[in-house]
Amino acid sequence: MREAPAEGSAGGSDPVLSTDRLTSIARSPLWKEAIAALPAPEGAPTGPAQAPASHLTGVLRSHLPPGGTVSDLNAGDGLVQLVYDDGHGRNMLEVDVRRHAAASLAGHMGCAGVSGDCESTTLADGTMVKKVEGPSEKGGPATVWQVDTLRPDGRRVVVREINSYAESTPVTRPRPALAMDLLLTIALDGRFFTG
């Protein structure tokens, strides 16, 4: 009578690939190219995943009040961060632009569990908007104002500003420089998804 192969072996022979080789295959950067070559799911928006960082920066800067200065610019992969100073203190401003965010945000566009003052609405075109004024999540005395927008097709823009040059540093002005209405105007600017 023939013995059954030991558990975990294929007919009693050693695996063709070692664990190290399998790990190397799984971590290969070639997967990114292979995934990018796959066709988009039916009904998914076409075009590049993100507009170039220089384009996103230009759109954001076009909304800044004249007469101020911009420093500490950091931009890339759908995110722009800069420090804007209107002459009354430095203010960090950040814009995060994403596509296909609807599934990951299901149930998170309301105010339940949000610390600070929160207002959640839906615009006539179906865009969900959440405005929050509250303390920094990183601690410290900074105040964070944020407008989060999610369009029906899954495009998301979040605009955040802090009354300091960084979230965990001492405040440099009594309140953020840009009004919430301007943050909403920035977040609803469709040019973030062109270019």
N, C-alpha and C. Protein backbone atom coordinates (compact mmCIF):
# COMPACT_ATOMS: atom_id res chain seq x y z
N MET A 1 0.83 -1.18 0.00
CA MET A 1 0.00 0.00 0.00
C MET A 1 0.88 1.25 0.00
N ARG A 2 0.47 2.25 -0.81
CA ARG A 2 1.29 3.46 -0.98
C ARG A 2 0.96 4.48 0.09
N GLU A 3 2.00 5.18 0.63
CA GLU A 3 1.80 6.20 1.66
C GLU A 3 1.33 7.50 1.05
N ALA A 4 0.41 8.20 1.75
CA ALA A 4 -0.04 9.52 1.29
C ALA A 4 1.10 10.52 1.45
N PRO A 5 1.19 11.49 0.55
CA PRO A 5 2.25 12.49 0.68
C PRO A 5 2.10 13.28 1.97
N ALA A 6 3.22 13.73 2.51
CA ALA A 6 3.20 14.53 3.75
C ALA A 6 2.43 15.81 3.50
N GLU A 7 1.79 16.30 4.58
CA GLU A 7 1.00 17.53 4.47
C GLU A 7 1.89 18.68 4.01
N GLY A 8 1.39 19.48 3.07
CA GLY A 8 2.13 20.64 2.59
C GLY A 8 3.06 20.32 1.44
N SER A 9 3.20 19.05 1.07
CA SER A 9 4.07 18.74 -0.06
C SER A 9 3.24 18.34 -1.25
N ALA A 10 3.77 18.51 -2.43
CA ALA A 10 3.07 18.16 -3.65
C ALA A 10 3.60 16.82 -4.13
N GLY A 11 2.93 15.74 -3.73
CA GLY A 11 3.36 14.42 -4.15
C GLY A 11 4.71 14.04 -3.56
N GLY A 12 5.10 14.68 -2.46
CA GLY A 12 6.34 14.33 -1.79
C GLY A 12 7.56 15.02 -2.35
N SER A 13 7.46 15.79 -3.44
CA SER A 13 8.63 16.47 -3.98
C SER A 13 8.73 17.89 -3.42
N ASP A 14 9.91 18.47 -3.47
CA ASP A 14 10.12 19.83 -2.98
C ASP A 14 9.46 20.83 -3.93
N PRO A 15 8.98 21.98 -3.39
CA PRO A 15 8.38 23.00 -4.26
C PRO A 15 9.39 23.49 -5.29
N VAL A 16 8.88 23.89 -6.44
CA VAL A 16 9.73 24.36 -7.53
C VAL A 16 10.39 25.68 -7.15
N LEU A 17 9.62 26.58 -6.49
CA LEU A 17 10.14 27.90 -6.11
C LEU A 17 10.29 27.99 -4.60
N SER A 18 11.39 28.59 -4.18
CA SER A 18 11.61 28.79 -2.74
C SER A 18 10.74 29.94 -2.24
N THR A 19 10.60 30.02 -0.93
CA THR A 19 9.83 31.12 -0.34
C THR A 19 10.45 32.47 -0.71
N ASP A 20 11.77 32.56 -0.71
CA ASP A 20 12.44 33.81 -1.08
C ASP A 20 12.13 34.20 -2.53
N ARG A 21 12.10 33.21 -3.42
CA ARG A 21 11.82 33.49 -4.84
C ARG A 21 10.37 33.95 -5.01
N LEU A 22 9.44 33.29 -4.31
CA LEU A 22 8.04 33.71 -4.36
C LEU A 22 7.86 35.14 -3.84
N THR A 23 8.57 35.47 -2.75
CA THR A 23 8.51 36.82 -2.19
C THR A 23 9.03 37.83 -3.20
N SER A 24 10.12 37.48 -3.87
CA SER A 24 10.71 38.37 -4.87
C SER A 24 9.73 38.61 -6.02
N ILE A 25 9.02 37.58 -6.45
CA ILE A 25 8.04 37.72 -7.53
C ILE A 25 6.90 38.62 -7.08
N ALA A 26 6.41 38.38 -5.87
CA ALA A 26 5.26 39.16 -5.36
C ALA A 26 5.60 40.64 -5.20
N ARG A 27 6.85 40.95 -4.88
CA ARG A 27 7.25 42.34 -4.64
C ARG A 27 7.81 43.02 -5.88
N SER A 28 7.83 42.36 -6.99
CA SER A 28 8.42 42.91 -8.19
C SER A 28 7.70 44.19 -8.64
N PRO A 29 8.46 45.22 -9.03
CA PRO A 29 7.84 46.45 -9.55
C PRO A 29 7.14 46.24 -10.89
N LEU A 30 7.40 45.11 -11.55
CA LEU A 30 6.75 44.84 -12.82
C LEU A 30 5.25 44.65 -12.66
N TRP A 31 4.77 44.31 -11.46
CA TRP A 31 3.33 44.18 -11.24
C TRP A 31 2.61 45.50 -11.50
N LYS A 32 3.26 46.61 -11.13
CA LYS A 32 2.63 47.92 -11.34
C LYS A 32 2.36 48.15 -12.82
N GLU A 33 3.33 47.77 -13.67
CA GLU A 33 3.15 47.91 -15.12
C GLU A 33 2.05 46.99 -15.62
N ALA A 34 2.03 45.75 -15.11
CA ALA A 34 1.03 44.79 -15.55
C ALA A 34 -0.38 45.25 -15.17
N ILE A 35 -0.53 45.77 -13.96
CA ILE A 35 -1.84 46.24 -13.51
C ILE A 35 -2.27 47.46 -14.32
N ALA A 36 -1.32 48.35 -14.60
CA ALA A 36 -1.64 49.55 -15.39
C ALA A 36 -2.08 49.17 -16.80
N ALA A 37 -1.62 48.03 -17.31
CA ALA A 37 -1.97 47.60 -18.66
C ALA A 37 -3.36 46.99 -18.75
N LEU A 38 -3.95 46.64 -17.61
CA LEU A 38 -5.30 46.06 -17.61
C LEU A 38 -6.32 47.10 -18.05
N PRO A 39 -7.37 46.68 -18.76
CA PRO A 39 -8.40 47.65 -19.15
C PRO A 39 -9.15 48.14 -17.92
N ALA A 40 -9.61 49.39 -18.00
CA ALA A 40 -10.38 49.98 -16.89
C ALA A 40 -11.73 49.27 -16.80
N PRO A 41 -12.28 49.13 -15.59
CA PRO A 41 -13.61 48.52 -15.47
C PRO A 41 -14.63 49.33 -16.26
N GLU A 42 -15.65 48.64 -16.77
CA GLU A 42 -16.68 49.31 -17.55
C GLU A 42 -17.33 50.42 -16.73
N GLY A 43 -17.43 51.60 -17.33
CA GLY A 43 -18.06 52.73 -16.64
C GLY A 43 -17.10 53.56 -15.81
N ALA A 44 -15.84 53.11 -15.66
CA ALA A 44 -14.87 53.88 -14.88
C ALA A 44 -14.39 55.06 -15.69
N PRO A 45 -14.11 56.21 -15.03
CA PRO A 45 -13.61 57.37 -15.76
C PRO A 45 -12.29 57.04 -16.45
N THR A 46 -12.08 57.62 -17.61
CA THR A 46 -10.83 57.40 -18.33
C THR A 46 -9.90 58.57 -18.09
N GLY A 47 -8.70 58.44 -18.57
CA GLY A 47 -7.72 59.52 -18.39
C GLY A 47 -6.73 59.16 -17.29
N PRO A 48 -5.72 59.99 -17.08
CA PRO A 48 -4.71 59.69 -16.08
C PRO A 48 -5.31 59.66 -14.68
N ALA A 49 -4.69 58.85 -13.81
CA ALA A 49 -5.19 58.73 -12.44
C ALA A 49 -5.10 60.07 -11.72
N GLN A 50 -4.06 60.81 -11.96
CA GLN A 50 -3.89 62.11 -11.31
C GLN A 50 -3.35 63.10 -12.33
N ALA A 51 -3.75 64.35 -12.19
CA ALA A 51 -3.15 65.40 -13.00
C ALA A 51 -1.73 65.64 -12.49
N PRO A 52 -0.84 66.16 -13.32
CA PRO A 52 0.52 66.43 -12.86
C PRO A 52 0.54 67.38 -11.66
N ALA A 53 1.53 67.20 -10.79
CA ALA A 53 1.64 68.01 -9.57
C ALA A 53 1.70 69.51 -9.90
N SER A 54 2.38 69.86 -10.99
CA SER A 54 2.49 71.28 -11.35
C SER A 54 1.12 71.86 -11.69
N HIS A 55 0.27 71.05 -12.32
CA HIS A 55 -1.08 71.51 -12.66
C HIS A 55 -1.91 71.71 -11.39
N LEU A 56 -1.86 70.75 -10.48
CA LEU A 56 -2.60 70.87 -9.22
C LEU A 56 -2.16 72.10 -8.45
N THR A 57 -0.85 72.34 -8.42
CA THR A 57 -0.32 73.51 -7.72
C THR A 57 -0.83 74.79 -8.36
N GLY A 58 -0.85 74.84 -9.69
CA GLY A 58 -1.34 76.02 -10.39
C GLY A 58 -2.80 76.32 -10.09
N VAL A 59 -3.62 75.26 -10.04
CA VAL A 59 -5.04 75.45 -9.73
C VAL A 59 -5.19 76.01 -8.31
N LEU A 60 -4.48 75.42 -7.36
CA LEU A 60 -4.56 75.90 -5.98
C LEU A 60 -4.10 77.36 -5.88
N ARG A 61 -2.97 77.65 -6.48
CA ARG A 61 -2.43 79.03 -6.39
C ARG A 61 -3.36 80.05 -7.03
N SER A 62 -4.13 79.65 -8.03
CA SER A 62 -5.04 80.59 -8.69
C SER A 62 -6.14 81.08 -7.74
N HIS A 63 -6.38 80.37 -6.65
CA HIS A 63 -7.41 80.75 -5.69
C HIS A 63 -6.88 81.59 -4.52
N LEU A 64 -5.56 81.67 -4.38
CA LEU A 64 -5.00 82.38 -3.23
C LEU A 64 -5.18 83.89 -3.39
N PRO A 65 -5.57 84.57 -2.33
CA PRO A 65 -5.72 86.03 -2.41
C PRO A 65 -4.41 86.69 -2.82
N PRO A 66 -4.46 87.73 -3.65
CA PRO A 66 -3.23 88.40 -4.09
C PRO A 66 -2.55 89.11 -2.92
N GLY A 67 -1.25 89.32 -3.08
CA GLY A 67 -0.49 90.05 -2.08
C GLY A 67 0.18 89.16 -1.05
N GLY A 68 -0.17 87.88 -1.00
CA GLY A 68 0.45 86.97 -0.05
C GLY A 68 1.67 86.30 -0.65
N THR A 69 2.39 85.57 0.17
CA THR A 69 3.56 84.84 -0.31
C THR A 69 3.35 83.35 -0.10
N VAL A 70 3.98 82.56 -0.95
CA VAL A 70 3.90 81.11 -0.87
C VAL A 70 5.30 80.57 -0.63
N SER A 71 5.41 79.62 0.30
CA SER A 71 6.70 78.97 0.57
C SER A 71 6.45 77.50 0.91
N ASP A 72 7.51 76.77 1.12
CA ASP A 72 7.47 75.37 1.56
C ASP A 72 6.54 74.52 0.69
N LEU A 73 6.64 74.68 -0.62
CA LEU A 73 5.80 73.93 -1.55
C LEU A 73 6.25 72.48 -1.62
N ASN A 74 5.28 71.58 -1.51
CA ASN A 74 5.53 70.15 -1.64
C ASN A 74 4.37 69.59 -2.44
N ALA A 75 4.66 68.98 -3.60
CA ALA A 75 3.57 68.50 -4.45
C ALA A 75 3.95 67.19 -5.12
N GLY A 76 2.97 66.33 -5.24
CA GLY A 76 3.17 65.07 -5.94
C GLY A 76 2.06 64.10 -5.66
N ASP A 77 1.76 63.21 -6.60
CA ASP A 77 0.79 62.13 -6.46
C ASP A 77 -0.55 62.57 -5.89
N GLY A 78 -1.13 63.61 -6.48
CA GLY A 78 -2.45 64.06 -6.08
C GLY A 78 -2.50 64.91 -4.83
N LEU A 79 -1.35 65.31 -4.30
CA LEU A 79 -1.31 66.08 -3.06
C LEU A 79 -0.45 67.32 -3.26
N VAL A 80 -0.97 68.47 -2.81
CA VAL A 80 -0.21 69.72 -2.82
C VAL A 80 -0.25 70.29 -1.42
N GLN A 81 0.90 70.63 -0.88
CA GLN A 81 1.00 71.30 0.42
C GLN A 81 1.86 72.54 0.23
N LEU A 82 1.43 73.63 0.84
CA LEU A 82 2.23 74.85 0.80
C LEU A 82 1.91 75.69 2.03
N VAL A 83 2.76 76.68 2.26
CA VAL A 83 2.52 77.63 3.33
C VAL A 83 2.21 78.98 2.68
N TYR A 84 1.06 79.54 3.05
CA TYR A 84 0.61 80.82 2.51
C TYR A 84 0.65 81.84 3.65
N ASP A 85 1.25 83.00 3.38
CA ASP A 85 1.33 84.07 4.37
C ASP A 85 0.75 85.34 3.76
N ASP A 86 -0.34 85.82 4.36
CA ASP A 86 -1.00 87.04 3.86
C ASP A 86 -0.47 88.29 4.56
N GLY A 87 0.63 88.15 5.29
CA GLY A 87 1.20 89.27 6.04
C GLY A 87 0.77 89.28 7.49
N HIS A 88 -0.12 88.34 7.86
CA HIS A 88 -0.60 88.27 9.24
C HIS A 88 -0.27 86.93 9.88
N GLY A 89 0.68 86.19 9.30
CA GLY A 89 1.10 84.92 9.87
C GLY A 89 1.00 83.79 8.86
N ARG A 90 1.90 82.83 9.02
CA ARG A 90 1.94 81.70 8.08
C ARG A 90 0.78 80.73 8.32
N ASN A 91 0.35 80.10 7.24
CA ASN A 91 -0.85 79.27 7.24
C ASN A 91 -0.59 78.09 6.30
N MET A 92 -0.63 76.87 6.81
CA MET A 92 -0.43 75.71 5.94
C MET A 92 -1.71 75.39 5.19
N LEU A 93 -1.58 75.08 3.92
CA LEU A 93 -2.72 74.75 3.07
C LEU A 93 -2.38 73.46 2.33
N GLU A 94 -3.37 72.57 2.26
CA GLU A 94 -3.16 71.26 1.64
C GLU A 94 -4.38 70.90 0.80
N VAL A 95 -4.13 70.37 -0.39
CA VAL A 95 -5.20 69.88 -1.25
C VAL A 95 -4.85 68.45 -1.64
N ASP A 96 -5.80 67.54 -1.42
CA ASP A 96 -5.64 66.12 -1.75
C ASP A 96 -6.70 65.78 -2.80
N VAL A 97 -6.26 65.34 -3.98
CA VAL A 97 -7.14 65.08 -5.11
C VAL A 97 -7.10 63.58 -5.44
N ARG A 98 -8.26 62.94 -5.45
CA ARG A 98 -8.33 61.50 -5.71
C ARG A 98 -9.49 61.16 -6.64
N ARG A 99 -9.32 60.09 -7.40
CA ARG A 99 -10.41 59.52 -8.20
C ARG A 99 -10.84 58.21 -7.54
N HIS A 100 -12.01 57.72 -7.90
CA HIS A 100 -12.49 56.41 -7.45
C HIS A 100 -12.51 56.28 -5.94
N ALA A 101 -12.96 57.31 -5.23
CA ALA A 101 -12.93 57.29 -3.76
C ALA A 101 -14.27 56.91 -3.14
N ALA A 102 -15.31 56.71 -3.94
CA ALA A 102 -16.65 56.50 -3.39
C ALA A 102 -16.72 55.28 -2.48
N ALA A 103 -16.16 54.16 -2.89
CA ALA A 103 -16.26 52.93 -2.09
C ALA A 103 -15.54 53.07 -0.76
N SER A 104 -14.37 53.69 -0.76
CA SER A 104 -13.60 53.81 0.48
C SER A 104 -14.21 54.82 1.45
N LEU A 105 -15.08 55.71 0.95
CA LEU A 105 -15.68 56.73 1.82
C LEU A 105 -17.12 56.43 2.19
N ALA A 106 -17.62 55.26 1.82
CA ALA A 106 -19.01 54.93 2.12
C ALA A 106 -19.28 55.10 3.61
N GLY A 107 -20.24 55.99 3.92
CA GLY A 107 -20.61 56.23 5.31
C GLY A 107 -19.72 57.20 6.07
N HIS A 108 -18.70 57.76 5.41
CA HIS A 108 -17.76 58.66 6.11
C HIS A 108 -17.93 60.13 5.76
N MET A 109 -18.96 60.47 5.02
CA MET A 109 -19.14 61.87 4.64
C MET A 109 -20.12 62.58 5.57
N GLY A 110 -20.53 61.93 6.62
CA GLY A 110 -21.39 62.56 7.63
C GLY A 110 -20.56 63.06 8.79
N CYS A 111 -21.23 63.59 9.81
CA CYS A 111 -20.53 64.20 10.94
C CYS A 111 -20.46 63.31 12.19
N ALA A 112 -20.98 62.09 12.10
CA ALA A 112 -20.96 61.21 13.27
C ALA A 112 -19.52 60.93 13.71
N GLY A 113 -19.25 61.17 14.97
CA GLY A 113 -17.93 60.89 15.54
C GLY A 113 -16.86 61.91 15.22
N VAL A 114 -17.21 63.00 14.56
CA VAL A 114 -16.23 64.02 14.19
C VAL A 114 -16.08 65.01 15.33
N SER A 115 -14.85 65.28 15.76
CA SER A 115 -14.64 66.28 16.81
C SER A 115 -14.57 67.66 16.18
N GLY A 116 -15.12 68.65 16.86
CA GLY A 116 -15.16 70.01 16.34
C GLY A 116 -16.52 70.29 15.73
N ASP A 117 -16.64 71.46 15.10
CA ASP A 117 -17.88 71.85 14.43
C ASP A 117 -17.91 71.21 13.05
N CYS A 118 -18.98 70.50 12.76
CA CYS A 118 -19.08 69.77 11.49
C CYS A 118 -20.43 70.05 10.84
N GLU A 119 -20.40 70.21 9.52
CA GLU A 119 -21.62 70.40 8.74
C GLU A 119 -21.51 69.51 7.52
N SER A 120 -22.54 68.69 7.29
CA SER A 120 -22.54 67.78 6.16
C SER A 120 -23.77 68.05 5.29
N THR A 121 -23.56 68.26 3.99
CA THR A 121 -24.65 68.56 3.07
C THR A 121 -24.43 67.83 1.75
N THR A 122 -25.46 67.79 0.94
CA THR A 122 -25.36 67.26 -0.42
C THR A 122 -25.84 68.34 -1.37
N LEU A 123 -25.01 68.67 -2.35
CA LEU A 123 -25.35 69.70 -3.32
C LEU A 123 -26.35 69.16 -4.35
N ALA A 124 -26.91 70.06 -5.14
CA ALA A 124 -27.94 69.68 -6.13
C ALA A 124 -27.42 68.65 -7.14
N ASP A 125 -26.12 68.68 -7.45
CA ASP A 125 -25.58 67.72 -8.41
C ASP A 125 -25.20 66.39 -7.79
N GLY A 126 -25.48 66.24 -6.48
CA GLY A 126 -25.18 64.98 -5.79
C GLY A 126 -23.83 64.97 -5.09
N THR A 127 -23.05 66.04 -5.22
CA THR A 127 -21.76 66.12 -4.53
C THR A 127 -21.99 66.25 -3.03
N MET A 128 -21.35 65.35 -2.27
CA MET A 128 -21.43 65.41 -0.81
C MET A 128 -20.32 66.32 -0.30
N VAL A 129 -20.66 67.18 0.67
CA VAL A 129 -19.72 68.15 1.22
C VAL A 129 -19.71 68.02 2.74
N LYS A 130 -18.51 67.94 3.29
CA LYS A 130 -18.37 67.93 4.75
C LYS A 130 -17.38 69.03 5.14
N LYS A 131 -17.85 69.96 5.97
CA LYS A 131 -16.99 71.05 6.46
C LYS A 131 -16.74 70.81 7.94
N VAL A 132 -15.48 70.90 8.35
CA VAL A 132 -15.11 70.67 9.74
C VAL A 132 -14.17 71.78 10.21
N GLU A 133 -14.46 72.34 11.37
CA GLU A 133 -13.55 73.26 12.06
C GLU A 133 -13.27 72.63 13.41
N GLY A 134 -12.01 72.31 13.66
CA GLY A 134 -11.72 71.65 14.92
C GLY A 134 -10.24 71.66 15.26
N PRO A 135 -9.91 70.97 16.36
CA PRO A 135 -8.51 70.91 16.79
C PRO A 135 -7.70 69.97 15.91
N SER A 136 -6.41 70.16 15.93
CA SER A 136 -5.52 69.28 15.19
C SER A 136 -5.56 67.88 15.78
N GLU A 137 -5.58 66.87 14.91
CA GLU A 137 -5.53 65.48 15.36
C GLU A 137 -4.15 65.13 15.89
N LYS A 138 -3.15 65.94 15.58
CA LYS A 138 -1.79 65.66 16.01
C LYS A 138 -1.45 66.33 17.33
N GLY A 139 -2.46 66.91 17.97
CA GLY A 139 -2.22 67.60 19.24
C GLY A 139 -1.72 69.01 19.01
N GLY A 140 -1.52 69.73 20.09
CA GLY A 140 -1.06 71.11 19.96
C GLY A 140 -2.22 72.06 19.82
N PRO A 141 -1.91 73.36 19.78
CA PRO A 141 -2.96 74.37 19.78
C PRO A 141 -3.53 74.74 18.42
N ALA A 142 -3.03 74.14 17.34
CA ALA A 142 -3.45 74.54 16.00
C ALA A 142 -4.92 74.22 15.74
N THR A 143 -5.55 75.08 14.93
CA THR A 143 -6.92 74.88 14.48
C THR A 143 -6.90 74.42 13.04
N VAL A 144 -7.69 73.40 12.74
CA VAL A 144 -7.75 72.87 11.38
C VAL A 144 -9.14 73.14 10.81
N TRP A 145 -9.16 73.73 9.61
CA TRP A 145 -10.40 73.89 8.85
C TRP A 145 -10.28 72.98 7.65
N GLN A 146 -11.33 72.22 7.39
CA GLN A 146 -11.28 71.26 6.30
C GLN A 146 -12.61 71.20 5.56
N VAL A 147 -12.51 71.13 4.23
CA VAL A 147 -13.67 70.90 3.38
C VAL A 147 -13.37 69.63 2.58
N ASP A 148 -14.25 68.64 2.72
CA ASP A 148 -14.11 67.36 2.04
C ASP A 148 -15.28 67.24 1.06
N THR A 149 -14.97 67.01 -0.21
CA THR A 149 -16.02 66.89 -1.22
C THR A 149 -15.90 65.56 -1.94
N LEU A 150 -17.04 64.92 -2.19
CA LEU A 150 -17.08 63.66 -2.91
C LEU A 150 -18.16 63.75 -3.98
N ARG A 151 -17.74 63.73 -5.24
CA ARG A 151 -18.68 63.81 -6.35
C ARG A 151 -19.32 62.45 -6.60
N PRO A 152 -20.48 62.42 -7.24
CA PRO A 152 -21.17 61.15 -7.49
C PRO A 152 -20.33 60.13 -8.27
N ASP A 153 -19.40 60.60 -9.11
CA ASP A 153 -18.57 59.67 -9.89
C ASP A 153 -17.33 59.20 -9.14
N GLY A 154 -17.23 59.57 -7.85
CA GLY A 154 -16.12 59.10 -7.02
C GLY A 154 -14.93 60.02 -6.93
N ARG A 155 -14.97 61.16 -7.63
CA ARG A 155 -13.85 62.11 -7.53
C ARG A 155 -13.93 62.84 -6.19
N ARG A 156 -12.81 62.91 -5.50
CA ARG A 156 -12.77 63.52 -4.17
C ARG A 156 -11.69 64.59 -4.12
N VAL A 157 -12.02 65.72 -3.50
CA VAL A 157 -11.03 66.77 -3.21
C VAL A 157 -11.21 67.16 -1.75
N VAL A 158 -10.11 67.12 -1.01
CA VAL A 158 -10.10 67.57 0.38
C VAL A 158 -9.17 68.76 0.47
N VAL A 159 -9.65 69.85 1.05
CA VAL A 159 -8.84 71.05 1.24
C VAL A 159 -8.74 71.28 2.75
N ARG A 160 -7.51 71.39 3.27
CA ARG A 160 -7.28 71.60 4.69
C ARG A 160 -6.38 72.81 4.87
N GLU A 161 -6.64 73.56 5.92
CA GLU A 161 -5.71 74.64 6.28
C GLU A 161 -5.56 74.68 7.79
N ILE A 162 -4.41 75.15 8.20
CA ILE A 162 -4.04 75.18 9.61
C ILE A 162 -3.44 76.54 9.92
N ASN A 163 -3.79 77.10 11.06
CA ASN A 163 -3.29 78.43 11.42
C ASN A 163 -1.86 78.37 11.96
N SER A 164 -1.03 77.65 11.23
CA SER A 164 0.37 77.51 11.55
C SER A 164 1.08 77.04 10.28
N TYR A 165 2.40 76.95 10.30
CA TYR A 165 3.12 76.48 9.13
C TYR A 165 3.22 74.97 9.08
N ALA A 166 2.81 74.30 10.17
CA ALA A 166 2.74 72.83 10.22
C ALA A 166 1.76 72.46 11.32
N GLU A 167 1.15 71.29 11.20
CA GLU A 167 0.04 70.95 12.09
C GLU A 167 0.41 70.83 13.55
N SER A 168 1.61 70.37 13.86
CA SER A 168 1.97 70.16 15.27
C SER A 168 2.87 71.25 15.84
N THR A 169 2.95 72.40 15.15
CA THR A 169 3.81 73.49 15.61
C THR A 169 2.96 74.61 16.23
N PRO A 170 3.60 75.54 16.93
CA PRO A 170 2.85 76.64 17.54
C PRO A 170 2.09 77.45 16.49
N VAL A 171 0.94 77.98 16.88
CA VAL A 171 0.13 78.77 15.95
C VAL A 171 0.86 80.05 15.58
N THR A 172 0.63 80.52 14.38
CA THR A 172 1.29 81.74 13.89
C THR A 172 0.27 82.84 13.60
N ARG A 173 -1.00 82.53 13.81
CA ARG A 173 -2.07 83.50 13.59
C ARG A 173 -3.29 83.02 14.38
N PRO A 174 -4.23 83.91 14.74
CA PRO A 174 -5.36 83.51 15.57
C PRO A 174 -6.28 82.48 14.91
N ARG A 175 -6.46 82.58 13.58
CA ARG A 175 -7.34 81.66 12.86
C ARG A 175 -6.79 81.46 11.46
N PRO A 176 -7.20 80.41 10.77
CA PRO A 176 -6.70 80.20 9.40
C PRO A 176 -6.99 81.40 8.49
N ALA A 177 -6.18 81.54 7.46
CA ALA A 177 -6.23 82.72 6.59
C ALA A 177 -7.40 82.73 5.62
N LEU A 178 -7.75 81.56 5.07
CA LEU A 178 -8.78 81.50 4.05
C LEU A 178 -10.12 81.12 4.66
N ALA A 179 -11.19 81.81 4.25
CA ALA A 179 -12.53 81.53 4.76
C ALA A 179 -13.00 80.16 4.27
N MET A 180 -13.92 79.55 5.03
CA MET A 180 -14.46 78.24 4.65
C MET A 180 -15.11 78.29 3.26
N ASP A 181 -15.76 79.40 2.92
CA ASP A 181 -16.38 79.51 1.59
C ASP A 181 -15.34 79.41 0.49
N LEU A 182 -14.15 79.98 0.71
CA LEU A 182 -13.10 79.89 -0.29
C LEU A 182 -12.56 78.46 -0.35
N LEU A 183 -12.45 77.79 0.80
CA LEU A 183 -12.01 76.39 0.79
C LEU A 183 -12.98 75.54 -0.02
N LEU A 184 -14.28 75.81 0.12
CA LEU A 184 -15.27 75.06 -0.65
C LEU A 184 -15.13 75.35 -2.14
N THR A 185 -14.91 76.60 -2.50
CA THR A 185 -14.71 76.97 -3.91
C THR A 185 -13.52 76.22 -4.49
N ILE A 186 -12.44 76.15 -3.71
CA ILE A 186 -11.24 75.41 -4.16
C ILE A 186 -11.58 73.94 -4.35
N ALA A 187 -12.26 73.36 -3.37
CA ALA A 187 -12.56 71.92 -3.42
C ALA A 187 -13.47 71.56 -4.59
N LEU A 188 -14.32 72.48 -5.02
CA LEU A 188 -15.25 72.19 -6.11
C LEU A 188 -14.69 72.54 -7.49
N ASP A 189 -13.46 73.01 -7.54
CA ASP A 189 -12.87 73.40 -8.83
C ASP A 189 -12.57 72.16 -9.67
N GLY A 190 -13.30 71.99 -10.75
CA GLY A 190 -13.14 70.82 -11.61
C GLY A 190 -11.81 70.78 -12.33
N ARG A 191 -11.06 71.88 -12.36
CA ARG A 191 -9.77 71.89 -13.04
C ARG A 191 -8.76 70.96 -12.39
N PHE A 192 -8.98 70.57 -11.14
CA PHE A 192 -8.05 69.62 -10.51
C PHE A 192 -8.01 68.29 -11.27
N PHE A 193 -9.07 67.98 -12.02
CA PHE A 193 -9.14 66.71 -12.72
C PHE A 193 -8.86 66.83 -14.20
N THR A 194 -8.35 67.96 -14.63
CA THR A 194 -7.96 68.14 -16.03
C THR A 194 -6.47 68.42 -16.09
N GLY A 195 -5.93 68.46 -17.29
CA GLY A 195 -4.51 68.79 -17.41
C GLY A 195 -3.68 67.59 -17.27
